[in-house]
Amino acid sequence: MSQQLKTEANNLTSQIVTFLNDMGHFAWRLNTMGVYDQNAGRYRKNNSINGVTDVMCVLNITGRSLFVEIKVGKDRMKIDQEIFRDEVVKRNAIHWVIKEINQFTETYKEFHAKYYATKD
């Protein structure tokens, strides 16, 4: 992935986390990168689950977990990410794959409207 796409992905991730927290949810970025070990001169693998999403959120309106995978440019879901998605959805969590902020806000509005429509 080019540096420009990495920057786009980082910006999109930050925008989504900020949006969700501003809306009163509890959201954070999941960092799955390895940690550089200066003594060994290489990155050490982290202990996270393979395929975990970029953003995790507990929704204040439902208490359900929301997982958001960020994909910019031609980036696509990998097998481990598909397995992770299937596992969390099977357990009643919500999983979105987001490519741009407008897609995210529309998806959020649709989810929000659908949830409140079922409350009447």
C-alpha atoms as a PDB file:
ATOM      1  CA  MET A   1       0.000   0.000   0.000  1.00  0.00           C
ATOM      2  CA  SER A   2       1.389   3.402  -0.961  1.00  0.00           C
ATOM      3  CA  GLN A   3       2.101   6.063   1.643  1.00  0.00           C
ATOM      4  CA  GLN A   4      -0.790   8.135   0.259  1.00  0.00           C
ATOM      5  CA  LEU A   5      -3.240   5.252   0.735  1.00  0.00           C
ATOM      6  CA  LYS A   6      -1.889   4.623   4.252  1.00  0.00           C
ATOM      7  CA  THR A   7      -2.480   8.282   5.062  1.00  0.00           C
ATOM      8  CA  GLU A   8      -6.013   8.084   3.605  1.00  0.00           C
ATOM      9  CA  ALA A   9      -6.747   4.966   5.654  1.00  0.00           C
ATOM     10  CA  ASN A  10      -5.368   6.560   8.827  1.00  0.00           C
ATOM     11  CA  ASN A  11      -7.403   9.731   8.252  1.00  0.00           C
ATOM     12  CA  LEU A  12     -10.574   7.757   7.575  1.00  0.00           C
ATOM     13  CA  THR A  13     -10.028   5.648  10.679  1.00  0.00           C
ATOM     14  CA  SER A  14      -9.534   8.780  12.813  1.00  0.00           C
ATOM     15  CA  GLN A  15     -12.645  10.409  11.346  1.00  0.00           C
ATOM     16  CA  ILE A  16     -14.766   7.350  12.108  1.00  0.00           C
ATOM     17  CA  VAL A  17     -13.501   6.997  15.678  1.00  0.00           C
ATOM     18  CA  THR A  18     -14.086  10.712  16.304  1.00  0.00           C
ATOM     19  CA  PHE A  19     -17.579  10.576  14.770  1.00  0.00           C
ATOM     20  CA  LEU A  20     -18.634   7.568  16.843  1.00  0.00           C
ATOM     21  CA  ASN A  21     -17.302   9.052  20.083  1.00  0.00           C
ATOM     22  CA  ASP A  22     -18.934  12.420  19.303  1.00  0.00           C
ATOM     23  CA  MET A  23     -22.231  10.551  18.889  1.00  0.00           C
ATOM     24  CA  GLY A  24     -21.855   9.172  22.417  1.00  0.00           C
ATOM     25  CA  HIS A  25     -20.613   5.695  21.567  1.00  0.00           C
ATOM     26  CA  PHE A  26     -17.396   4.151  22.915  1.00  0.00           C
ATOM     27  CA  ALA A  27     -15.041   3.686  19.964  1.00  0.00           C
ATOM     28  CA  TRP A  28     -11.326   3.135  19.549  1.00  0.00           C
ATOM     29  CA  ARG A  29      -8.764   2.214  16.948  1.00  0.00           C
ATOM     30  CA  LEU A  30      -7.312  -1.283  17.165  1.00  0.00           C
ATOM     31  CA  ASN A  31      -3.597  -1.237  16.478  1.00  0.00           C
ATOM     32  CA  THR A  32      -2.436  -4.616  15.226  1.00  0.00           C
ATOM     33  CA  MET A  33       0.996  -3.657  13.964  1.00  0.00           C
ATOM     34  CA  GLY A  34       4.008  -5.367  15.393  1.00  0.00           C
ATOM     35  CA  VAL A  35       6.345  -3.526  17.725  1.00  0.00           C
ATOM     36  CA  TYR A  36       9.850  -2.747  16.567  1.00  0.00           C
ATOM     37  CA  ASP A  37      12.478  -4.419  18.760  1.00  0.00           C
ATOM     38  CA  GLN A  38      15.681  -2.375  18.485  1.00  0.00           C
ATOM     39  CA  ASN A  39      17.777  -5.074  20.145  1.00  0.00           C
ATOM     40  CA  ALA A  40      16.694  -7.692  17.627  1.00  0.00           C
ATOM     41  CA  GLY A  41      16.557  -5.212  14.746  1.00  0.00           C
ATOM     42  CA  ARG A  42      13.118  -6.412  13.612  1.00  0.00           C
ATOM     43  CA  TYR A  43       9.419  -6.172  14.314  1.00  0.00           C
ATOM     44  CA  ARG A  44       7.956  -8.500  16.942  1.00  0.00           C
ATOM     45  CA  LYS A  45       4.585  -9.993  16.131  1.00  0.00           C
ATOM     46  CA  ASN A  46       1.726  -8.697  18.236  1.00  0.00           C
ATOM     47  CA  ASN A  47      -0.659 -10.978  20.108  1.00  0.00           C
ATOM     48  CA  SER A  48      -3.869  -9.841  18.436  1.00  0.00           C
ATOM     49  CA  ILE A  49      -6.331 -12.071  16.631  1.00  0.00           C
ATOM     50  CA  ASN A  50      -5.687 -12.445  12.899  1.00  0.00           C
ATOM     51  CA  GLY A  51      -8.073 -10.413  10.779  1.00  0.00           C
ATOM     52  CA  VAL A  52      -9.222  -8.077  13.557  1.00  0.00           C
ATOM     53  CA  THR A  53     -10.806  -4.832  12.320  1.00  0.00           C
ATOM     54  CA  ASP A  54      -9.390  -1.319  12.389  1.00  0.00           C
ATOM     55  CA  VAL A  55     -12.107   0.133  14.652  1.00  0.00           C
ATOM     56  CA  MET A  56     -14.075  -1.330  17.548  1.00  0.00           C
ATOM     57  CA  CYS A  57     -17.099   0.338  19.085  1.00  0.00           C
ATOM     58  CA  VAL A  58     -19.739  -0.342  21.720  1.00  0.00           C
ATOM     59  CA  LEU A  59     -22.921   1.344  20.523  1.00  0.00           C
ATOM     60  CA  ASN A  60     -24.726   3.299  23.210  1.00  0.00           C
ATOM     61  CA  ILE A  61     -28.157   2.751  21.652  1.00  0.00           C
ATOM     62  CA  THR A  62     -27.952  -1.021  21.546  1.00  0.00           C
ATOM     63  CA  GLY A  63     -24.982  -2.115  23.635  1.00  0.00           C
ATOM     64  CA  ARG A  64     -23.920  -4.183  20.630  1.00  0.00           C
ATOM     65  CA  SER A  65     -20.399  -4.279  19.296  1.00  0.00           C
ATOM     66  CA  LEU A  66     -19.602  -2.604  15.997  1.00  0.00           C
ATOM     67  CA  PHE A  67     -16.486  -3.590  14.079  1.00  0.00           C
ATOM     68  CA  VAL A  68     -15.335  -1.375  11.196  1.00  0.00           C
ATOM     69  CA  GLU A  69     -12.823  -2.539   8.601  1.00  0.00           C
ATOM     70  CA  ILE A  70     -11.220   0.287   6.591  1.00  0.00           C
ATOM     71  CA  LYS A  71     -10.403  -0.384   2.942  1.00  0.00           C
ATOM     72  CA  VAL A  72      -9.152   2.382   0.660  1.00  0.00           C
ATOM     73  CA  GLY A  73      -8.215   2.292  -2.984  1.00  0.00           C
ATOM     74  CA  LYS A  74      -8.039  -1.238  -4.378  1.00  0.00           C
ATOM     75  CA  ASP A  75      -7.530  -2.804  -0.917  1.00  0.00           C
ATOM     76  CA  ARG A  76      -9.857  -5.782  -0.334  1.00  0.00           C
ATOM     77  CA  MET A  77     -10.752  -8.040   2.571  1.00  0.00           C
ATOM     78  CA  LYS A  78      -8.261 -10.824   3.213  1.00  0.00           C
ATOM     79  CA  ILE A  79      -9.241 -14.361   4.215  1.00  0.00           C
ATOM     80  CA  ASP A  80      -8.411 -13.761   7.913  1.00  0.00           C
ATOM     81  CA  GLN A  81     -10.554 -10.612   7.863  1.00  0.00           C
ATOM     82  CA  GLU A  82     -13.472 -12.503   6.305  1.00  0.00           C
ATOM     83  CA  ILE A  83     -13.181 -15.206   8.974  1.00  0.00           C
ATOM     84  CA  PHE A  84     -13.109 -12.540  11.711  1.00  0.00           C
ATOM     85  CA  ARG A  85     -16.183 -10.845  10.166  1.00  0.00           C
ATOM     86  CA  ASP A  86     -18.084 -14.134  10.035  1.00  0.00           C
ATOM     87  CA  GLU A  87     -17.233 -14.939  13.672  1.00  0.00           C
ATOM     88  CA  VAL A  88     -18.367 -11.578  15.095  1.00  0.00           C
ATOM     89  CA  VAL A  89     -21.529 -11.423  12.959  1.00  0.00           C
ATOM     90  CA  LYS A  90     -22.412 -14.965  14.044  1.00  0.00           C
ATOM     91  CA  ARG A  91     -22.346 -13.629  17.625  1.00  0.00           C
ATOM     92  CA  ASN A  92     -24.746 -10.746  16.845  1.00  0.00           C
ATOM     93  CA  ALA A  93     -22.100  -8.048  16.410  1.00  0.00           C
ATOM     94  CA  ILE A  94     -22.230  -5.568  13.548  1.00  0.00           C
ATOM     95  CA  HIS A  95     -19.468  -5.476  10.943  1.00  0.00           C
ATOM     96  CA  TRP A  96     -19.033  -2.814   8.269  1.00  0.00           C
ATOM     97  CA  VAL A  97     -16.430  -2.531   5.524  1.00  0.00           C
ATOM     98  CA  ILE A  98     -15.925   1.162   4.811  1.00  0.00           C
ATOM     99  CA  LYS A  99     -14.081   2.807   1.922  1.00  0.00           C
ATOM    100  CA  GLU A 100     -14.860   6.508   2.471  1.00  0.00           C
ATOM    101  CA  ILE A 101     -16.403   8.807   5.059  1.00  0.00           C
ATOM    102  CA  ASN A 102     -19.616   9.422   3.072  1.00  0.00           C
ATOM    103  CA  GLN A 103     -20.228   5.677   2.896  1.00  0.00           C
ATOM    104  CA  PHE A 104     -19.709   5.471   6.655  1.00  0.00           C
ATOM    105  CA  THR A 105     -22.085   8.323   7.518  1.00  0.00           C
ATOM    106  CA  GLU A 106     -24.793   6.910   5.214  1.00  0.00           C
ATOM    107  CA  THR A 107     -24.387   3.421   6.686  1.00  0.00           C
ATOM    108  CA  TYR A 108     -24.557   4.898  10.187  1.00  0.00           C
ATOM    109  CA  LYS A 109     -27.704   6.920   9.377  1.00  0.00           C
ATOM    110  CA  GLU A 110     -29.397   3.844   7.893  1.00  0.00           C
ATOM    111  CA  PHE A 111     -28.493   1.725  10.922  1.00  0.00           C
ATOM    112  CA  HIS A 112     -29.624   4.439  13.340  1.00  0.00           C
ATOM    113  CA  ALA A 113     -32.935   4.964  11.514  1.00  0.00           C
ATOM    114  CA  LYS A 114     -33.576   1.213  11.299  1.00  0.00           C
ATOM    115  CA  TYR A 115     -32.907   0.716  15.014  1.00  0.00           C
ATOM    116  CA  TYR A 116     -35.225   3.518  16.086  1.00  0.00           C
ATOM    117  CA  ALA A 117     -37.889   2.464  13.566  1.00  0.00           C
ATOM    118  CA  THR A 118     -38.135  -0.907  15.367  1.00  0.00           C
ATOM    119  CA  LYS A 119     -38.527   0.837  18.763  1.00  0.00           C
ATOM    120  CA  ASP A 120     -41.961   2.336  17.922  1.00  0.00           C
END
